[in-house]
Amino acid sequence: MKAAVIYQKGELPQYIDFPEPVAQNEDELLVTVKAVAIKHLDKSRASGKHYSSSAPKESGRVIGGDGVCLLADGTRVYGMGISGMLAEKATIHKDRIVKIPDELDDVTAAALPNAVIGAAMGLKFKADIQPGDVVLINGATGFTGRVAVQIAKHYGAKRVIVTGRNQTSLHDLLSLGADETILVLQDDESFKAQLATIHSTTPIDVIIDYLWGHTAEMILACLKGNGSFTNRVRYVSIGAMTGDLIQLSAANLRSVDLQLTGSGMGAWSKPQVGQLFSQILPEMFALAAAGKLKVETITVKLENIAELWGMEVDGGKRLVVII
């Protein structure tokens, strides 16, 4: 079969003939792959920089963690790969599949799940979002952030405030449900003044953070109290696009009813992951099929994997490989 294979961490994947995988037990299924999204997670794992990375075997390793595929009986599903998914054939977890609605195309179905995982799991299980909550999404102009805006509104957020570096992209988020925008590239004092005004007028209940780094420091500084009663704030770190480390004042933790947590692989319970596949993803696929959850994609072919691997995709779009 044809596949995208890497032999050393950090090298470009190669489009080559590679042995077809074999299901090892009754919990694995051999499938025909149709479409796979290329995410930051895939690139980070391939480079060895992600905490879940594993070293490639000498014989090479097929990349890609999930995708749209066909079961032996022709049923179209989204599946999580055991073998790499950027290949004509793959093995997937039998208990981690979701049937795709007939009305939803392969490309959208492949693009959505990682973003849903990066948004809904944090909102639902870590932030415990409630109808009427005010939500701040830090770094909302990327693909996952755009999905997070829509899911937050679907879950009942009263207001969604978004931050980002690109003013045009921020403006686009208003059409997806955002209520107010904050430009990250303004000077620190202006950023904090704008955020502090928002928080004093409509107290922020939930913060979903894809950036971390300096913006997280500024946001946390704006939350710091003065000894008066404060509303409960659930701060969820999901990404660290602008830095892995921050300085956090102890006064932030003592002066505010603050819950600081993270959402990612290793942070969820087995029942929560089970709910992802049994309820959350089916619900989001249905929303997308009905045109109520919108994403933008760019499609490419597997044979061009080496030249497109480093491709930067602007405007909150997702790169999807058709196989």
Protein backbone atom coordinates (compact mmCIF):
# COMPACT_ATOMS: atom_id res chain seq x y z
CA MET A 1 0.00 0.00 0.00
CA LYS A 2 1.01 3.66 -0.36
CA ALA A 3 1.69 5.55 2.86
CA ALA A 4 3.37 8.61 4.41
CA VAL A 5 6.31 7.25 6.41
CA ILE A 6 9.02 8.80 8.60
CA TYR A 7 12.25 7.09 9.66
CA GLN A 8 13.80 9.73 11.92
CA LYS A 9 12.24 12.34 14.21
CA GLY A 10 11.92 15.67 12.49
CA GLU A 11 12.47 14.48 8.92
CA LEU A 12 9.95 14.96 6.14
CA PRO A 13 7.53 12.07 5.58
CA GLN A 14 8.08 10.00 2.46
CA TYR A 15 5.39 8.75 0.07
CA ILE A 16 6.37 5.12 -0.40
CA ASP A 17 5.13 1.54 -0.64
CA PHE A 18 4.78 0.15 2.88
CA PRO A 19 3.52 -3.15 4.30
CA GLU A 20 -0.21 -3.24 4.99
CA PRO A 21 -1.00 -3.38 8.73
CA VAL A 22 -2.66 -6.42 10.28
CA ALA A 23 -5.27 -6.38 13.05
CA GLN A 24 -3.64 -8.02 16.06
CA ASN A 25 -6.76 -8.95 18.05
CA GLU A 26 -10.55 -8.66 18.13
CA ASP A 27 -10.32 -5.09 19.49
CA GLU A 28 -8.68 -3.88 16.26
CA LEU A 29 -10.22 -3.35 12.84
CA LEU A 30 -8.51 -3.13 9.44
CA VAL A 31 -10.03 -0.26 7.43
CA THR A 32 -9.66 1.55 4.12
CA VAL A 33 -8.69 5.16 4.75
CA LYS A 34 -10.47 7.97 2.89
CA ALA A 35 -9.39 11.29 4.46
CA VAL A 36 -6.97 12.42 7.18
CA ALA A 37 -6.50 15.91 8.63
CA ILE A 38 -2.96 17.13 9.31
CA LYS A 39 -2.89 18.82 12.70
CA HIS A 40 -0.28 20.53 14.88
CA LEU A 41 -0.46 17.37 17.02
CA ASP A 42 0.64 15.17 14.11
CA LYS A 43 3.57 17.42 13.29
CA SER A 44 4.58 17.75 16.93
CA ARG A 45 4.51 13.98 17.41
CA ALA A 46 6.49 13.36 14.23
CA SER A 47 9.15 15.82 15.36
CA GLY A 48 9.31 14.22 18.82
CA LYS A 49 8.29 17.47 20.55
CA HIS A 50 4.91 16.36 21.91
CA TYR A 51 4.75 14.64 25.29
CA SER A 52 2.98 11.65 23.70
CA SER A 53 5.65 11.16 20.99
CA SER A 54 7.29 7.80 20.40
CA ALA A 55 10.48 7.10 18.48
CA PRO A 56 10.07 5.83 14.89
CA LYS A 57 11.08 2.23 14.24
CA GLU A 58 14.07 1.51 12.00
CA SER A 59 11.64 0.13 9.45
CA GLY A 60 9.75 3.42 9.49
CA ARG A 61 6.45 4.56 10.95
CA VAL A 62 3.28 5.69 9.19
CA ILE A 63 2.12 9.05 10.55
CA GLY A 64 -1.38 10.37 11.20
CA GLY A 65 -3.50 9.66 14.26
CA ASP A 66 -7.12 9.61 13.08
CA GLY A 67 -9.33 9.92 10.04
CA VAL A 68 -12.32 8.93 7.97
CA CYS A 69 -12.35 5.34 6.81
CA LEU A 70 -14.49 2.47 5.54
CA LEU A 71 -15.15 -0.68 7.52
CA ALA A 72 -15.12 -4.05 5.77
CA ASP A 73 -18.89 -3.81 5.17
CA GLY A 74 -18.58 -0.33 3.63
CA THR A 75 -19.78 1.62 6.66
CA ARG A 76 -18.18 5.07 6.74
CA VAL A 77 -16.75 5.99 10.14
CA TYR A 78 -14.35 8.28 11.91
CA GLY A 79 -11.67 6.23 13.68
CA MET A 80 -8.64 6.58 15.94
CA GLY A 81 -5.61 4.85 14.49
CA ILE A 82 -3.53 2.11 16.04
CA SER A 83 -1.30 2.06 13.00
CA GLY A 84 -0.68 5.37 11.22
CA MET A 85 -3.64 6.75 9.30
CA LEU A 86 -1.88 8.51 6.40
CA ALA A 87 -1.99 5.35 4.33
CA GLU A 88 -4.36 3.44 2.10
CA LYS A 89 -5.03 0.94 4.90
CA ALA A 90 -4.89 1.27 8.68
CA THR A 91 -5.91 -0.47 11.87
CA ILE A 92 -8.16 1.38 14.29
CA HIS A 93 -9.58 0.88 17.79
CA LYS A 94 -12.88 -0.99 17.58
CA ASP A 95 -14.31 0.98 20.51
CA ARG A 96 -13.19 4.40 19.24
CA ILE A 97 -15.23 4.86 16.09
CA VAL A 98 -18.14 7.11 15.19
CA LYS A 99 -20.50 6.57 12.26
CA ILE A 100 -20.56 9.57 9.93
CA PRO A 101 -23.92 10.98 8.75
CA ASP A 102 -24.59 10.50 5.04
CA GLU A 103 -24.99 14.28 4.64
CA LEU A 104 -21.45 15.00 5.91
CA ASP A 105 -18.55 14.88 3.46
CA ASP A 106 -15.28 13.03 4.13
CA VAL A 107 -13.16 16.18 4.31
CA THR A 108 -15.26 17.96 6.93
CA ALA A 109 -15.65 14.75 8.92
CA ALA A 110 -11.86 14.30 8.97
CA ALA A 111 -11.20 17.92 9.90
CA LEU A 112 -13.65 18.26 12.79
CA PRO A 113 -12.77 15.68 15.48
CA ASN A 114 -9.40 17.01 16.64
CA ALA A 115 -10.89 20.48 17.00
CA VAL A 116 -13.94 19.11 18.80
CA ILE A 117 -11.63 17.25 21.18
CA GLY A 118 -9.60 20.44 21.68
CA ALA A 119 -12.72 22.48 22.42
CA ALA A 120 -15.61 20.40 23.73
CA MET A 121 -13.59 18.27 26.17
CA GLY A 122 -12.23 21.38 27.87
CA LEU A 123 -15.53 23.24 27.85
CA LYS A 124 -17.64 20.32 29.02
CA PHE A 125 -15.45 18.36 31.40
CA LYS A 126 -12.80 20.80 32.64
CA ALA A 127 -14.68 24.11 32.61
CA ASP A 128 -18.09 22.56 33.33
CA ILE A 129 -19.66 25.20 31.09
CA GLN A 130 -23.18 26.21 32.07
CA PRO A 131 -25.89 28.06 30.12
CA GLY A 132 -25.40 31.78 30.65
CA ASP A 133 -21.63 31.60 31.21
CA VAL A 134 -19.34 34.29 29.82
CA VAL A 135 -16.46 32.58 27.96
CA LEU A 136 -13.08 33.99 26.96
CA ILE A 137 -11.19 32.07 24.25
CA ASN A 138 -7.53 33.05 24.13
CA GLY A 139 -6.14 32.39 20.65
CA ALA A 140 -9.44 31.84 18.87
CA THR A 141 -8.43 32.58 15.27
CA GLY A 142 -6.98 29.11 14.58
CA PHE A 143 -9.04 26.17 13.37
CA THR A 144 -9.75 24.77 16.84
CA GLY A 145 -10.46 28.20 18.28
CA ARG A 146 -13.06 28.87 15.60
CA VAL A 147 -14.74 25.58 16.44
CA ALA A 148 -14.55 26.41 20.16
CA VAL A 149 -16.47 29.67 19.60
CA GLN A 150 -19.31 27.77 17.94
CA ILE A 151 -19.37 24.96 20.51
CA ALA A 152 -19.36 27.42 23.42
CA LYS A 153 -22.45 29.10 21.97
CA HIS A 154 -24.03 25.69 21.34
CA TYR A 155 -23.46 24.82 25.00
CA GLY A 156 -25.28 27.98 26.05
CA ALA A 157 -22.61 30.65 26.56
CA LYS A 158 -24.21 34.07 27.02
CA ARG A 159 -21.17 35.90 25.67
CA VAL A 160 -17.99 34.75 23.96
CA ILE A 161 -14.95 37.04 23.99
CA VAL A 162 -12.08 36.12 21.67
CA THR A 163 -8.44 37.11 21.40
CA GLY A 164 -6.09 36.77 18.44
CA ARG A 165 -3.28 38.37 16.47
CA ASN A 166 -5.07 38.95 13.17
CA GLN A 167 -7.72 41.67 13.17
CA THR A 168 -9.40 40.33 10.02
CA SER A 169 -9.64 36.82 11.44
CA LEU A 170 -10.98 38.20 14.71
CA HIS A 171 -13.68 40.08 12.80
CA ASP A 172 -14.63 36.85 10.99
CA LEU A 173 -15.29 35.21 14.36
CA LEU A 174 -18.18 37.61 14.95
CA SER A 175 -20.11 35.77 12.23
CA LEU A 176 -19.47 32.47 14.04
CA GLY A 177 -20.92 33.63 17.35
CA ALA A 178 -18.22 35.72 19.04
CA ASP A 179 -19.53 38.84 20.79
CA GLU A 180 -16.34 40.84 21.37
CA THR A 181 -12.75 40.77 20.12
CA ILE A 182 -9.43 41.66 21.74
CA LEU A 183 -6.33 42.14 19.59
CA VAL A 184 -3.26 40.48 21.11
CA LEU A 185 -0.81 42.67 19.17
CA GLN A 186 -1.78 45.87 20.96
CA ASP A 187 0.48 47.01 23.81
CA ASP A 188 0.19 45.14 27.11
CA GLU A 189 -1.49 47.95 29.03
CA SER A 190 -4.16 48.41 26.37
CA PHE A 191 -4.78 44.64 26.25
CA LYS A 192 -5.18 44.44 30.02
CA ALA A 193 -7.32 47.57 30.20
CA GLN A 194 -9.73 46.23 27.60
CA LEU A 195 -9.94 42.83 29.29
CA ALA A 196 -10.32 44.33 32.78
CA THR A 197 -13.21 46.50 31.56
CA ILE A 198 -14.96 43.48 30.07
CA HIS A 199 -14.43 41.43 33.23
CA SER A 200 -15.76 44.18 35.50
CA THR A 201 -18.86 44.64 33.32
CA THR A 202 -19.63 41.01 32.47
CA PRO A 203 -17.52 38.79 34.76
CA ILE A 204 -15.77 36.01 32.86
CA ASP A 205 -16.71 32.51 34.01
CA VAL A 206 -14.68 30.29 31.66
CA ILE A 207 -11.32 30.79 29.96
CA ILE A 208 -10.20 28.43 27.20
CA ASP A 209 -6.53 29.09 26.42
CA TYR A 210 -4.74 27.93 23.26
CA LEU A 211 -1.80 30.34 23.61
CA TRP A 212 -0.53 30.28 27.23
CA GLY A 213 2.74 32.24 27.56
CA HIS A 214 2.63 36.01 28.07
CA THR A 215 -1.07 36.41 27.23
CA ALA A 216 -1.94 33.95 30.02
CA GLU A 217 0.09 36.06 32.45
CA MET A 218 -1.82 39.17 31.44
CA ILE A 219 -5.22 37.45 31.65
CA LEU A 220 -4.47 36.05 35.09
CA ALA A 221 -3.28 39.47 36.26
CA CYS A 222 -6.62 40.94 35.19
CA LEU A 223 -8.46 38.36 37.29
CA LYS A 224 -6.57 39.14 40.51
CA GLY A 225 -8.95 40.34 43.21
CA ASN A 226 -8.70 42.94 45.96
CA GLY A 227 -10.21 41.03 48.85
CA SER A 228 -13.85 41.36 47.76
CA PHE A 229 -16.04 38.43 46.76
CA THR A 230 -15.35 37.15 43.23
CA ASN A 231 -17.16 34.93 40.77
CA ARG A 232 -15.79 31.43 40.15
CA VAL A 233 -13.46 31.37 37.12
CA ARG A 234 -12.54 28.07 35.41
CA TYR A 235 -9.30 28.53 33.48
CA VAL A 236 -8.46 25.67 31.08
CA SER A 237 -5.09 25.43 29.34
CA ILE A 238 -5.32 23.49 26.07
CA GLY A 239 -2.41 24.77 23.97
CA ALA A 240 0.86 26.63 24.39
CA MET A 241 1.40 28.28 21.03
CA THR A 242 3.22 31.27 22.52
CA GLY A 243 5.19 29.61 25.31
CA ASP A 244 5.14 26.64 27.67
CA LEU A 245 6.05 28.48 30.89
CA ILE A 246 4.49 31.40 32.73
CA GLN A 247 5.05 33.33 35.96
CA LEU A 248 2.04 33.07 38.24
CA SER A 249 1.56 35.28 41.29
CA ALA A 250 0.40 33.43 44.40
CA ALA A 251 -1.99 36.34 44.95
CA ASN A 252 -3.86 35.19 41.84
CA LEU A 253 -4.71 31.93 43.55
CA ARG A 254 -5.63 33.48 46.91
CA SER A 255 -7.60 36.53 45.76
CA VAL A 256 -9.89 34.86 43.22
CA ASP A 257 -12.14 31.81 43.19
CA LEU A 258 -9.93 30.37 40.47
CA GLN A 259 -9.81 26.83 39.10
CA LEU A 260 -6.71 26.34 36.97
CA THR A 261 -6.57 23.10 34.99
CA GLY A 262 -5.65 21.61 31.62
CA SER A 263 -7.34 19.57 28.93
CA GLY A 264 -5.36 17.09 26.87
CA MET A 265 -4.32 13.46 26.54
CA GLY A 266 -3.88 12.13 30.04
CA ALA A 267 -6.16 14.72 31.63
CA TRP A 268 -9.46 12.97 30.84
CA SER A 269 -11.01 9.96 32.53
CA LYS A 270 -12.00 6.79 30.67
CA PRO A 271 -15.72 7.58 31.04
CA GLN A 272 -15.13 11.05 29.58
CA VAL A 273 -13.30 9.61 26.57
CA GLY A 274 -16.13 7.11 26.20
CA GLN A 275 -18.62 9.97 26.16
CA LEU A 276 -16.56 11.70 23.48
CA PHE A 277 -17.22 8.82 21.09
CA SER A 278 -20.74 7.92 22.19
CA GLN A 279 -22.22 11.42 22.48
CA ILE A 280 -20.01 14.43 21.76
CA LEU A 281 -18.62 13.55 18.32
CA PRO A 282 -21.97 12.21 17.02
CA GLU A 283 -23.63 15.43 18.18
CA MET A 284 -21.01 17.62 16.49
CA PHE A 285 -21.13 15.59 13.26
CA ALA A 286 -24.91 16.10 13.23
CA LEU A 287 -24.49 19.85 13.74
CA ALA A 288 -21.99 20.03 10.88
CA ALA A 289 -24.23 17.96 8.62
CA ALA A 290 -27.05 20.43 9.32
CA GLY A 291 -24.80 23.41 8.55
CA LYS A 292 -24.78 24.59 12.18
CA LEU A 293 -21.06 23.96 12.80
CA LYS A 294 -18.89 25.47 10.08
CA VAL A 295 -15.24 24.85 9.20
CA GLU A 296 -12.95 25.69 6.29
CA THR A 297 -10.53 23.18 4.77
CA ILE A 298 -7.86 22.79 2.11
CA THR A 299 -7.64 19.39 0.41
CA VAL A 300 -4.44 17.81 -0.88
CA LYS A 301 -3.30 14.40 -2.13
CA LEU A 302 -1.27 11.84 -0.19
CA GLU A 303 1.34 11.64 -2.94
CA ASN A 304 2.30 15.27 -2.23
CA ILE A 305 2.87 14.70 1.50
CA ALA A 306 6.57 15.71 1.59
CA GLU A 307 6.04 19.09 -0.06
CA LEU A 308 2.90 19.98 1.90
CA TRP A 309 4.09 18.78 5.34
CA GLY A 310 5.56 22.17 6.25
CA MET A 311 2.78 24.14 4.58
CA GLU A 312 1.42 26.97 6.71
CA VAL A 313 -2.36 27.23 6.46
CA ASP A 314 -3.75 30.68 7.25
CA GLY A 315 -7.20 31.87 8.13
CA GLY A 316 -8.22 29.11 10.51
CA LYS A 317 -8.38 26.43 7.83
CA ARG A 318 -7.47 22.74 8.20
CA LEU A 319 -5.31 20.78 5.76
CA VAL A 320 -6.96 17.47 4.83
CA VAL A 321 -5.31 14.67 2.84
CA ILE A 322 -7.56 12.71 0.48
CA ILE A 323 -6.48 9.10 0.01
